[in-house]
Amino acid sequence: MAQSKFSDDKPAVCPIPHGPRGAMAPESELNPLNNMPHLSQDRAPHQKMALSRERVVSSIPRASTSAAPGDSPYASSCPVDHSAMGKDKDKEDANGYWEYPSPQQFYNALVRKGWETPEESVDMVVMIHNFLNERAWQEIIEWEKMAGSDVSKLQLARFQGRPGTLSPRARMFGWLAWAFPDRFSNEPPFDRHDWIVRRGPTEANPEGEEVRYVIDYYSREDESDENEASFNLDVRPAISDLSSAKLRWKKLMQEYESGELFAPFRDQSSSSDAK
């Protein structure tokens, strides 16, 4: 379980907008394969301030067989497709890495989804979004090292956002908060992603084994610095077979022995007393 902080001169905020939703895009304008619209770099109607159109290349390798934009069966809850779009061929997946949306694309996506977001906050939302994804990938690398994988060949094949679906683990911590409110926080994760990670090819599996990872994103108040956004990322492989179950058990024992098993989910007041 990773605790991450993002420093800026603005107060800590959850990177996912929770404001009222407006009208969604007509179904005729959505790609039926992933229920996602194509998002341009054009300025949105009624947009008052200019937003950057620059896209940032992530450190997350993209599988060569990952579907092209608009074709992936895994539609992310992140409002835009992270794969390269448009006519910028210099950046278009040139190095085989996933590419983050520009602030303009991100804002267009929020507008299309009916989420009200102040234009001046978009840059910060995009930075936090990118920061959390990078942190999640580093956590996956640590898991894969424990599994004995060649991490130099790891790739993110596809992903799916499931913000309205609690994972069994998140639900368990909710029960613990109900039973022990003085020890556990009752704040659910603000987002959930399922990432399909492809390991390097082996003799037994020339195509590379695919492993599903579940990522729960928690916001966490940090009284030490009001300008520092704090988050807990609960990253782990889904228990889909015996090998993943063994890996989860190994990690569980490590966290239990170190005392960090429940630390990220304890009530904030308890956490402060423990510091």
C-alpha atoms as a PDB file:
ATOM      1  CA  MET A   1       0.000   0.000   0.000  1.00  0.00           C
ATOM      2  CA  ALA A   2       1.562   3.226  -1.119  1.00  0.00           C
ATOM      3  CA  GLN A   3       1.144   6.639   0.434  1.00  0.00           C
ATOM      4  CA  SER A   4       1.822   9.426  -2.028  1.00  0.00           C
ATOM      5  CA  LYS A   5       1.947  13.189  -1.738  1.00  0.00           C
ATOM      6  CA  PHE A   6       1.642  15.831  -4.410  1.00  0.00           C
ATOM      7  CA  SER A   7       2.937  19.272  -3.533  1.00  0.00           C
ATOM      8  CA  ASP A   8       1.639  22.474  -5.042  1.00  0.00           C
ATOM      9  CA  ASP A   9       0.655  25.937  -3.966  1.00  0.00           C
ATOM     10  CA  LYS A  10      -3.033  25.009  -3.977  1.00  0.00           C
ATOM     11  CA  PRO A  11      -4.970  23.187  -1.250  1.00  0.00           C
ATOM     12  CA  ALA A  12      -5.212  19.403  -1.468  1.00  0.00           C
ATOM     13  CA  VAL A  13      -8.170  18.289  -3.525  1.00  0.00           C
ATOM     14  CA  CYS A  14      -9.512  15.021  -4.842  1.00  0.00           C
ATOM     15  CA  PRO A  15      -8.512  14.771  -8.513  1.00  0.00           C
ATOM     16  CA  ILE A  16     -11.897  13.400  -9.546  1.00  0.00           C
ATOM     17  CA  PRO A  17     -14.630  16.046  -9.927  1.00  0.00           C
ATOM     18  CA  HIS A  18     -17.799  15.226  -7.994  1.00  0.00           C
ATOM     19  CA  GLY A  19     -19.945  18.184  -9.005  1.00  0.00           C
ATOM     20  CA  PRO A  20     -23.347  18.018 -10.664  1.00  0.00           C
ATOM     21  CA  ARG A  21     -23.467  16.357 -14.036  1.00  0.00           C
ATOM     22  CA  GLY A  22     -24.982  18.013 -17.015  1.00  0.00           C
ATOM     23  CA  ALA A  23     -26.321  16.399 -20.138  1.00  0.00           C
ATOM     24  CA  MET A  24     -24.260  13.525 -21.473  1.00  0.00           C
ATOM     25  CA  ALA A  25     -23.209  13.298 -25.083  1.00  0.00           C
ATOM     26  CA  PRO A  26     -25.849  11.795 -27.389  1.00  0.00           C
ATOM     27  CA  GLU A  27     -25.377   8.067 -27.931  1.00  0.00           C
ATOM     28  CA  SER A  28     -24.994   8.655 -31.666  1.00  0.00           C
ATOM     29  CA  GLU A  29     -21.784  10.602 -30.964  1.00  0.00           C
ATOM     30  CA  LEU A  30     -20.165   7.812 -28.951  1.00  0.00           C
ATOM     31  CA  ASN A  31     -18.012   4.997 -30.236  1.00  0.00           C
ATOM     32  CA  PRO A  32     -20.149   1.870 -29.624  1.00  0.00           C
ATOM     33  CA  LEU A  33     -17.022  -0.202 -28.934  1.00  0.00           C
ATOM     34  CA  ASN A  34     -16.017   1.700 -25.811  1.00  0.00           C
ATOM     35  CA  ASN A  35     -18.772   4.282 -25.220  1.00  0.00           C
ATOM     36  CA  MET A  36     -16.176   7.047 -25.530  1.00  0.00           C
ATOM     37  CA  PRO A  37     -16.283  10.084 -27.809  1.00  0.00           C
ATOM     38  CA  HIS A  38     -13.339  11.242 -29.881  1.00  0.00           C
ATOM     39  CA  LEU A  39     -11.820  14.222 -28.102  1.00  0.00           C
ATOM     40  CA  SER A  40     -10.153  16.957 -30.062  1.00  0.00           C
ATOM     41  CA  GLN A  41      -7.713  19.606 -28.949  1.00  0.00           C
ATOM     42  CA  ASP A  42     -10.196  22.314 -29.939  1.00  0.00           C
ATOM     43  CA  ARG A  43     -11.360  24.884 -27.437  1.00  0.00           C
ATOM     44  CA  ALA A  44     -14.665  23.939 -25.811  1.00  0.00           C
ATOM     45  CA  PRO A  45     -17.760  26.117 -26.310  1.00  0.00           C
ATOM     46  CA  HIS A  46     -18.003  28.859 -23.675  1.00  0.00           C
ATOM     47  CA  GLN A  47     -14.441  28.130 -22.521  1.00  0.00           C
ATOM     48  CA  LYS A  48     -12.943  31.340 -21.139  1.00  0.00           C
ATOM     49  CA  MET A  49      -9.248  30.614 -20.628  1.00  0.00           C
ATOM     50  CA  ALA A  50      -6.701  28.914 -22.860  1.00  0.00           C
ATOM     51  CA  LEU A  51      -5.557  25.449 -21.810  1.00  0.00           C
ATOM     52  CA  SER A  52      -2.381  23.668 -22.821  1.00  0.00           C
ATOM     53  CA  ARG A  53      -2.587  21.211 -25.723  1.00  0.00           C
ATOM     54  CA  GLU A  54       0.693  19.552 -24.815  1.00  0.00           C
ATOM     55  CA  ARG A  55       0.578  15.842 -24.052  1.00  0.00           C
ATOM     56  CA  VAL A  56       3.032  14.137 -21.716  1.00  0.00           C
ATOM     57  CA  VAL A  57       4.496  10.732 -22.510  1.00  0.00           C
ATOM     58  CA  SER A  58       4.267   8.436 -19.491  1.00  0.00           C
ATOM     59  CA  SER A  59       6.860   5.961 -18.242  1.00  0.00           C
ATOM     60  CA  ILE A  60       4.347   3.127 -18.704  1.00  0.00           C
ATOM     61  CA  PRO A  61       5.182   0.814 -21.631  1.00  0.00           C
ATOM     62  CA  ARG A  62       2.314   0.132 -23.980  1.00  0.00           C
ATOM     63  CA  ALA A  63       1.858  -3.371 -25.388  1.00  0.00           C
ATOM     64  CA  SER A  64       2.349  -3.510 -29.141  1.00  0.00           C
ATOM     65  CA  THR A  65      -0.979  -5.306 -29.450  1.00  0.00           C
ATOM     66  CA  SER A  66      -2.896  -2.718 -27.413  1.00  0.00           C
ATOM     67  CA  ALA A  67      -5.928  -1.631 -29.363  1.00  0.00           C
ATOM     68  CA  ALA A  68      -5.812   1.626 -31.252  1.00  0.00           C
ATOM     69  CA  PRO A  69      -7.809   4.583 -29.941  1.00  0.00           C
ATOM     70  CA  GLY A  70     -11.532   3.853 -30.076  1.00  0.00           C
ATOM     71  CA  ASP A  71     -11.057   0.094 -30.357  1.00  0.00           C
ATOM     72  CA  SER A  72     -10.132  -0.970 -26.838  1.00  0.00           C
ATOM     73  CA  PRO A  73     -12.668  -3.166 -25.040  1.00  0.00           C
ATOM     74  CA  TYR A  74     -11.418  -1.582 -21.824  1.00  0.00           C
ATOM     75  CA  ALA A  75     -12.867   1.927 -21.629  1.00  0.00           C
ATOM     76  CA  SER A  76     -11.159   3.861 -18.856  1.00  0.00           C
ATOM     77  CA  SER A  77     -13.068   5.972 -16.361  1.00  0.00           C
ATOM     78  CA  CYS A  78     -10.374   8.531 -16.955  1.00  0.00           C
ATOM     79  CA  PRO A  79     -12.293  10.756 -19.352  1.00  0.00           C
ATOM     80  CA  VAL A  80      -9.963  10.355 -22.332  1.00  0.00           C
ATOM     81  CA  ASP A  81      -8.108   7.583 -24.102  1.00  0.00           C
ATOM     82  CA  HIS A  82      -4.442   7.624 -23.061  1.00  0.00           C
ATOM     83  CA  SER A  83      -3.201   6.224 -26.350  1.00  0.00           C
ATOM     84  CA  ALA A  84      -1.920   8.633 -28.980  1.00  0.00           C
ATOM     85  CA  MET A  85      -4.464  10.537 -31.056  1.00  0.00           C
ATOM     86  CA  GLY A  86      -4.439  13.048 -33.836  1.00  0.00           C
ATOM     87  CA  LYS A  87      -1.786  13.817 -36.414  1.00  0.00           C
ATOM     88  CA  ASP A  88       1.206  14.403 -34.141  1.00  0.00           C
ATOM     89  CA  LYS A  89       3.281  11.538 -35.512  1.00  0.00           C
ATOM     90  CA  ASP A  90       6.389  12.555 -33.593  1.00  0.00           C
ATOM     91  CA  LYS A  91       4.617  11.623 -30.380  1.00  0.00           C
ATOM     92  CA  GLU A  92       2.164   9.044 -31.667  1.00  0.00           C
ATOM     93  CA  ASP A  93       3.298   6.014 -29.702  1.00  0.00           C
ATOM     94  CA  ALA A  94       6.796   6.485 -31.132  1.00  0.00           C
ATOM     95  CA  ASN A  95       8.532   4.973 -28.130  1.00  0.00           C
ATOM     96  CA  GLY A  96       5.844   2.475 -27.187  1.00  0.00           C
ATOM     97  CA  TYR A  97       4.642   4.321 -24.094  1.00  0.00           C
ATOM     98  CA  TRP A  98       1.171   5.398 -23.071  1.00  0.00           C
ATOM     99  CA  GLU A  99       0.546   9.095 -23.505  1.00  0.00           C
ATOM    100  CA  TYR A 100      -1.415  11.243 -21.079  1.00  0.00           C
ATOM    101  CA  PRO A 101      -4.164  13.605 -22.260  1.00  0.00           C
ATOM    102  CA  SER A 102      -3.461  17.296 -22.585  1.00  0.00           C
ATOM    103  CA  PRO A 103      -5.273  19.687 -20.226  1.00  0.00           C
ATOM    104  CA  GLN A 104      -7.432  20.769 -23.178  1.00  0.00           C
ATOM    105  CA  GLN A 105      -8.430  17.173 -23.974  1.00  0.00           C
ATOM    106  CA  PHE A 106      -9.057  16.464 -20.311  1.00  0.00           C
ATOM    107  CA  TYR A 107     -11.293  19.515 -20.010  1.00  0.00           C
ATOM    108  CA  ASN A 108     -13.182  18.590 -23.180  1.00  0.00           C
ATOM    109  CA  ALA A 109     -13.759  15.140 -21.727  1.00  0.00           C
ATOM    110  CA  LEU A 110     -15.075  16.557 -18.464  1.00  0.00           C
ATOM    111  CA  VAL A 111     -17.429  18.844 -20.387  1.00  0.00           C
ATOM    112  CA  ARG A 112     -18.693  15.929 -22.471  1.00  0.00           C
ATOM    113  CA  LYS A 113     -19.320  13.872 -19.344  1.00  0.00           C
ATOM    114  CA  GLY A 114     -21.184  16.735 -17.711  1.00  0.00           C
ATOM    115  CA  TRP A 115     -18.713  17.263 -14.871  1.00  0.00           C
ATOM    116  CA  GLU A 116     -18.433  20.884 -13.801  1.00  0.00           C
ATOM    117  CA  THR A 117     -14.752  21.698 -13.282  1.00  0.00           C
ATOM    118  CA  PRO A 118     -13.248  25.194 -12.950  1.00  0.00           C
ATOM    119  CA  GLU A 119     -10.984  25.838 -15.908  1.00  0.00           C
ATOM    120  CA  GLU A 120      -8.235  27.139 -13.650  1.00  0.00           C
ATOM    121  CA  SER A 121      -8.165  23.763 -11.843  1.00  0.00           C
ATOM    122  CA  VAL A 122      -7.692  21.595 -14.926  1.00  0.00           C
ATOM    123  CA  ASP A 123      -3.890  21.795 -14.993  1.00  0.00           C
ATOM    124  CA  MET A 124      -3.742  20.627 -11.374  1.00  0.00           C
ATOM    125  CA  VAL A 125      -6.235  17.807 -11.988  1.00  0.00           C
ATOM    126  CA  VAL A 126      -4.173  16.563 -14.938  1.00  0.00           C
ATOM    127  CA  MET A 127      -0.924  16.706 -12.961  1.00  0.00           C
ATOM    128  CA  ILE A 128      -2.420  14.725 -10.074  1.00  0.00           C
ATOM    129  CA  HIS A 129      -3.970  12.258 -12.515  1.00  0.00           C
ATOM    130  CA  ASN A 130      -0.591  11.643 -14.163  1.00  0.00           C
ATOM    131  CA  PHE A 131       1.243  11.499 -10.841  1.00  0.00           C
ATOM    132  CA  LEU A 132      -1.091   8.834  -9.446  1.00  0.00           C
ATOM    133  CA  ASN A 133      -0.839   6.693 -12.560  1.00  0.00           C
ATOM    134  CA  GLU A 134       2.960   6.819 -12.422  1.00  0.00           C
ATOM    135  CA  ARG A 135       2.878   5.833  -8.767  1.00  0.00           C
ATOM    136  CA  ALA A 136       0.501   2.956  -9.482  1.00  0.00           C
ATOM    137  CA  TRP A 137       2.848   1.633 -12.162  1.00  0.00           C
ATOM    138  CA  GLN A 138       5.797   1.722  -9.755  1.00  0.00           C
ATOM    139  CA  GLU A 139       3.763  -0.295  -7.255  1.00  0.00           C
ATOM    140  CA  ILE A 140       2.983  -2.864  -9.936  1.00  0.00           C
ATOM    141  CA  ILE A 141       6.692  -3.141 -10.725  1.00  0.00           C
ATOM    142  CA  GLU A 142       7.397  -3.939  -7.060  1.00  0.00           C
ATOM    143  CA  TRP A 143       4.746  -6.662  -7.099  1.00  0.00           C
ATOM    144  CA  GLU A 144       6.199  -8.129 -10.275  1.00  0.00           C
ATOM    145  CA  LYS A 145       9.695  -8.162  -8.788  1.00  0.00           C
ATOM    146  CA  MET A 146       8.291 -10.210  -5.925  1.00  0.00           C
ATOM    147  CA  ALA A 147       6.705 -12.545  -8.469  1.00  0.00           C
ATOM    148  CA  GLY A 148      10.076 -13.040 -10.181  1.00  0.00           C
ATOM    149  CA  SER A 149       9.076 -11.376 -13.447  1.00  0.00           C
ATOM    150  CA  ASP A 150      11.461  -9.598 -15.786  1.00  0.00           C
ATOM    151  CA  VAL A 151      10.195  -6.090 -15.074  1.00  0.00           C
ATOM    152  CA  SER A 152      12.077  -4.671 -18.059  1.00  0.00           C
ATOM    153  CA  LYS A 153       9.530  -6.415 -20.292  1.00  0.00           C
ATOM    154  CA  LEU A 154       6.365  -5.427 -18.445  1.00  0.00           C
ATOM    155  CA  GLN A 155       3.693  -3.630 -20.458  1.00  0.00           C
ATOM    156  CA  LEU A 156       0.282  -2.180 -19.730  1.00  0.00           C
ATOM    157  CA  ALA A 157      -1.969  -3.822 -22.304  1.00  0.00           C
ATOM    158  CA  ARG A 158      -5.271  -2.125 -21.416  1.00  0.00           C
ATOM    159  CA  PHE A 159      -7.193  -0.734 -18.478  1.00  0.00           C
ATOM    160  CA  GLN A 160     -10.678  -0.117 -17.201  1.00  0.00           C
ATOM    161  CA  GLY A 161     -12.011   2.467 -14.780  1.00  0.00           C
ATOM    162  CA  ARG A 162     -14.636   1.206 -12.329  1.00  0.00           C
ATOM    163  CA  PRO A 163     -15.276   4.144  -9.975  1.00  0.00           C
ATOM    164  CA  GLY A 164     -18.712   2.939  -8.916  1.00  0.00           C
ATOM    165  CA  THR A 165     -17.671  -0.626  -8.106  1.00  0.00           C
ATOM    166  CA  LEU A 166     -16.117  -1.382  -4.725  1.00  0.00           C
ATOM    167  CA  SER A 167     -13.492  -4.098  -4.758  1.00  0.00           C
ATOM    168  CA  PRO A 168     -13.860  -6.886  -2.163  1.00  0.00           C
ATOM    169  CA  ARG A 169     -10.881  -5.449  -0.287  1.00  0.00           C
ATOM    170  CA  ALA A 170     -12.345  -1.929  -0.209  1.00  0.00           C
ATOM    171  CA  ARG A 171     -15.639  -3.385   0.980  1.00  0.00           C
ATOM    172  CA  MET A 172     -13.792  -5.253   3.741  1.00  0.00           C
ATOM    173  CA  PHE A 173     -12.224  -2.027   4.996  1.00  0.00           C
ATOM    174  CA  GLY A 174     -15.671  -0.439   4.965  1.00  0.00           C
ATOM    175  CA  TRP A 175     -16.918  -3.204   7.256  1.00  0.00           C
ATOM    176  CA  LEU A 176     -13.928  -2.702   9.543  1.00  0.00           C
ATOM    177  CA  ALA A 177     -14.734   1.017   9.724  1.00  0.00           C
ATOM    178  CA  TRP A 178     -18.304   0.162  10.736  1.00  0.00           C
ATOM    179  CA  ALA A 179     -17.116  -2.289  13.399  1.00  0.00           C
ATOM    180  CA  PHE A 180     -14.161  -0.225  14.637  1.00  0.00           C
ATOM    181  CA  PRO A 181     -14.915   3.431  13.811  1.00  0.00           C
ATOM    182  CA  ASP A 182     -12.182   4.663  16.146  1.00  0.00           C
ATOM    183  CA  ARG A 183      -9.503   2.750  14.257  1.00  0.00           C
ATOM    184  CA  PHE A 184     -10.512   2.772  10.593  1.00  0.00           C
ATOM    185  CA  SER A 185     -11.640   5.460   8.194  1.00  0.00           C
ATOM    186  CA  ASN A 186     -15.060   5.027   6.600  1.00  0.00           C
ATOM    187  CA  GLU A 187     -14.041   7.020   3.518  1.00  0.00           C
ATOM    188  CA  PRO A 188     -14.341   4.749   0.445  1.00  0.00           C
ATOM    189  CA  PRO A 189     -11.896   4.956  -2.458  1.00  0.00           C
ATOM    190  CA  PHE A 190     -12.691   7.814  -4.819  1.00  0.00           C
ATOM    191  CA  ASP A 191     -11.752   5.702  -7.824  1.00  0.00           C
ATOM    192  CA  ARG A 192     -10.891   2.185  -8.894  1.00  0.00           C
ATOM    193  CA  HIS A 193      -8.945   0.993 -11.908  1.00  0.00           C
ATOM    194  CA  ASP A 194      -8.332  -2.500 -13.241  1.00  0.00           C
ATOM    195  CA  TRP A 195      -5.084  -2.682 -15.207  1.00  0.00           C
ATOM    196  CA  ILE A 196      -4.184  -5.615 -17.445  1.00  0.00           C
ATOM    197  CA  VAL A 197      -0.411  -6.037 -17.291  1.00  0.00           C
ATOM    198  CA  ARG A 198       1.415  -8.201 -19.802  1.00  0.00           C
ATOM    199  CA  ARG A 199       4.562  -9.980 -18.697  1.00  0.00           C
ATOM    200  CA  GLY A 200       7.426 -10.756 -21.025  1.00  0.00           C
ATOM    201  CA  PRO A 201       7.274 -13.799 -23.318  1.00  0.00           C
ATOM    202  CA  THR A 202       8.413 -17.177 -22.011  1.00  0.00           C
ATOM    203  CA  GLU A 203       8.779 -20.630 -23.528  1.00  0.00           C
ATOM    204  CA  ALA A 204       5.546 -21.664 -21.862  1.00  0.00           C
ATOM    205  CA  ASN A 205       3.750 -18.494 -22.952  1.00  0.00           C
ATOM    206  CA  PRO A 206       5.324 -16.844 -26.030  1.00  0.00           C
ATOM    207  CA  GLU A 207       2.648 -14.136 -26.069  1.00  0.00           C
ATOM    208  CA  GLY A 208       3.303 -13.151 -22.476  1.00  0.00           C
ATOM    209  CA  GLU A 209       1.051 -13.853 -19.512  1.00  0.00           C
ATOM    210  CA  GLU A 210      -1.577 -11.240 -18.689  1.00  0.00           C
ATOM    211  CA  VAL A 211      -2.199 -10.343 -15.049  1.00  0.00           C
ATOM    212  CA  ARG A 212      -5.045  -8.171 -13.798  1.00  0.00           C
ATOM    213  CA  TYR A 213      -4.200  -5.609 -11.128  1.00  0.00           C
ATOM    214  CA  VAL A 214      -6.781  -3.804  -9.001  1.00  0.00           C
ATOM    215  CA  ILE A 215      -6.011  -0.250  -7.876  1.00  0.00           C
ATOM    216  CA  ASP A 216      -8.087   1.542  -5.244  1.00  0.00           C
ATOM    217  CA  TYR A 217      -7.425   5.281  -4.924  1.00  0.00           C
ATOM    218  CA  TYR A 218      -8.016   6.922  -1.541  1.00  0.00           C
ATOM    219  CA  SER A 219      -7.759  10.623  -0.701  1.00  0.00           C
ATOM    220  CA  ARG A 220      -6.218  11.342   2.670  1.00  0.00           C
ATOM    221  CA  GLU A 221      -6.224  14.528   4.709  1.00  0.00           C
ATOM    222  CA  ASP A 222      -2.800  15.700   5.780  1.00  0.00           C
ATOM    223  CA  GLU A 223      -2.911  18.307   8.518  1.00  0.00           C
ATOM    224  CA  SER A 224       0.849  18.872   8.338  1.00  0.00           C
ATOM    225  CA  ASP A 225       0.593  20.858   5.104  1.00  0.00           C
ATOM    226  CA  GLU A 226      -2.638  22.227   3.658  1.00  0.00           C
ATOM    227  CA  ASN A 227      -0.923  22.708   0.281  1.00  0.00           C
ATOM    228  CA  GLU A 228       0.044  19.066  -0.011  1.00  0.00           C
ATOM    229  CA  ALA A 229      -2.412  16.583  -1.491  1.00  0.00           C
ATOM    230  CA  SER A 230      -2.058  13.126   0.066  1.00  0.00           C
ATOM    231  CA  PHE A 231      -3.289   9.877  -1.390  1.00  0.00           C
ATOM    232  CA  ASN A 232      -3.220   6.180  -0.575  1.00  0.00           C
ATOM    233  CA  LEU A 233      -2.960   3.742  -3.452  1.00  0.00           C
ATOM    234  CA  ASP A 234      -3.925   0.151  -2.710  1.00  0.00           C
ATOM    235  CA  VAL A 235      -2.380  -1.757  -5.617  1.00  0.00           C
ATOM    236  CA  ARG A 236      -2.465  -5.550  -5.836  1.00  0.00           C
ATOM    237  CA  PRO A 237      -2.948  -8.394  -8.321  1.00  0.00           C
ATOM    238  CA  ALA A 238      -6.472  -9.757  -8.491  1.00  0.00           C
ATOM    239  CA  ILE A 239      -6.811 -13.222  -6.985  1.00  0.00           C
ATOM    240  CA  SER A 240      -7.575 -15.062 -10.209  1.00  0.00           C
ATOM    241  CA  ASP A 241      -5.379 -18.155  -9.815  1.00  0.00           C
ATOM    242  CA  LEU A 242      -3.178 -19.993  -7.327  1.00  0.00           C
ATOM    243  CA  SER A 243      -0.015 -18.055  -8.186  1.00  0.00           C
ATOM    244  CA  SER A 244      -1.665 -14.667  -7.593  1.00  0.00           C
ATOM    245  CA  ALA A 245      -3.170 -15.958  -4.338  1.00  0.00           C
ATOM    246  CA  LYS A 246       0.280 -17.068  -3.155  1.00  0.00           C
ATOM    247  CA  LEU A 247       1.743 -13.695  -4.102  1.00  0.00           C
ATOM    248  CA  ARG A 248      -0.979 -11.852  -2.195  1.00  0.00           C
ATOM    249  CA  TRP A 249      -0.399 -14.053   0.865  1.00  0.00           C
ATOM    250  CA  LYS A 250       3.345 -13.416   0.759  1.00  0.00           C
ATOM    251  CA  LYS A 251       2.764  -9.661   0.641  1.00  0.00           C
ATOM    252  CA  LEU A 252       0.131  -9.888   3.372  1.00  0.00           C
ATOM    253  CA  MET A 253       2.606 -11.541   5.739  1.00  0.00           C
ATOM    254  CA  GLN A 254       5.228  -8.908   4.961  1.00  0.00           C
ATOM    255  CA  GLU A 255       2.795  -6.066   5.694  1.00  0.00           C
ATOM    256  CA  TYR A 256       1.544  -7.758   8.853  1.00  0.00           C
ATOM    257  CA  GLU A 257       5.051  -8.200  10.225  1.00  0.00           C
ATOM    258  CA  SER A 258       5.995  -4.608   9.397  1.00  0.00           C
ATOM    259  CA  GLY A 259       2.777  -3.163  10.862  1.00  0.00           C
ATOM    260  CA  GLU A 260       1.739  -1.450   7.624  1.00  0.00           C
ATOM    261  CA  LEU A 261      -1.137  -3.765   6.746  1.00  0.00           C
ATOM    262  CA  PHE A 262      -3.940  -1.507   8.005  1.00  0.00           C
ATOM    263  CA  ALA A 263      -2.020   1.743   8.445  1.00  0.00           C
ATOM    264  CA  PRO A 264      -3.309   3.576   5.328  1.00  0.00           C
ATOM    265  CA  PHE A 265      -6.937   2.890   6.264  1.00  0.00           C
ATOM    266  CA  ARG A 266      -6.957   3.891   9.922  1.00  0.00           C
ATOM    267  CA  ASP A 267      -8.928   6.911  11.024  1.00  0.00           C
ATOM    268  CA  GLN A 268      -7.024  10.132  10.454  1.00  0.00           C
ATOM    269  CA  SER A 269      -6.988  11.004  14.152  1.00  0.00           C
ATOM    270  CA  SER A 270      -5.477   7.654  15.016  1.00  0.00           C
ATOM    271  CA  SER A 271      -2.887   8.079  12.297  1.00  0.00           C
ATOM    272  CA  SER A 272      -1.942  11.492  13.646  1.00  0.00           C
ATOM    273  CA  ASP A 273      -1.461  10.093  17.150  1.00  0.00           C
ATOM    274  CA  ALA A 274       0.828   7.405  15.816  1.00  0.00           C
ATOM    275  CA  LYS A 275       3.186   9.856  14.139  1.00  0.00           C
END
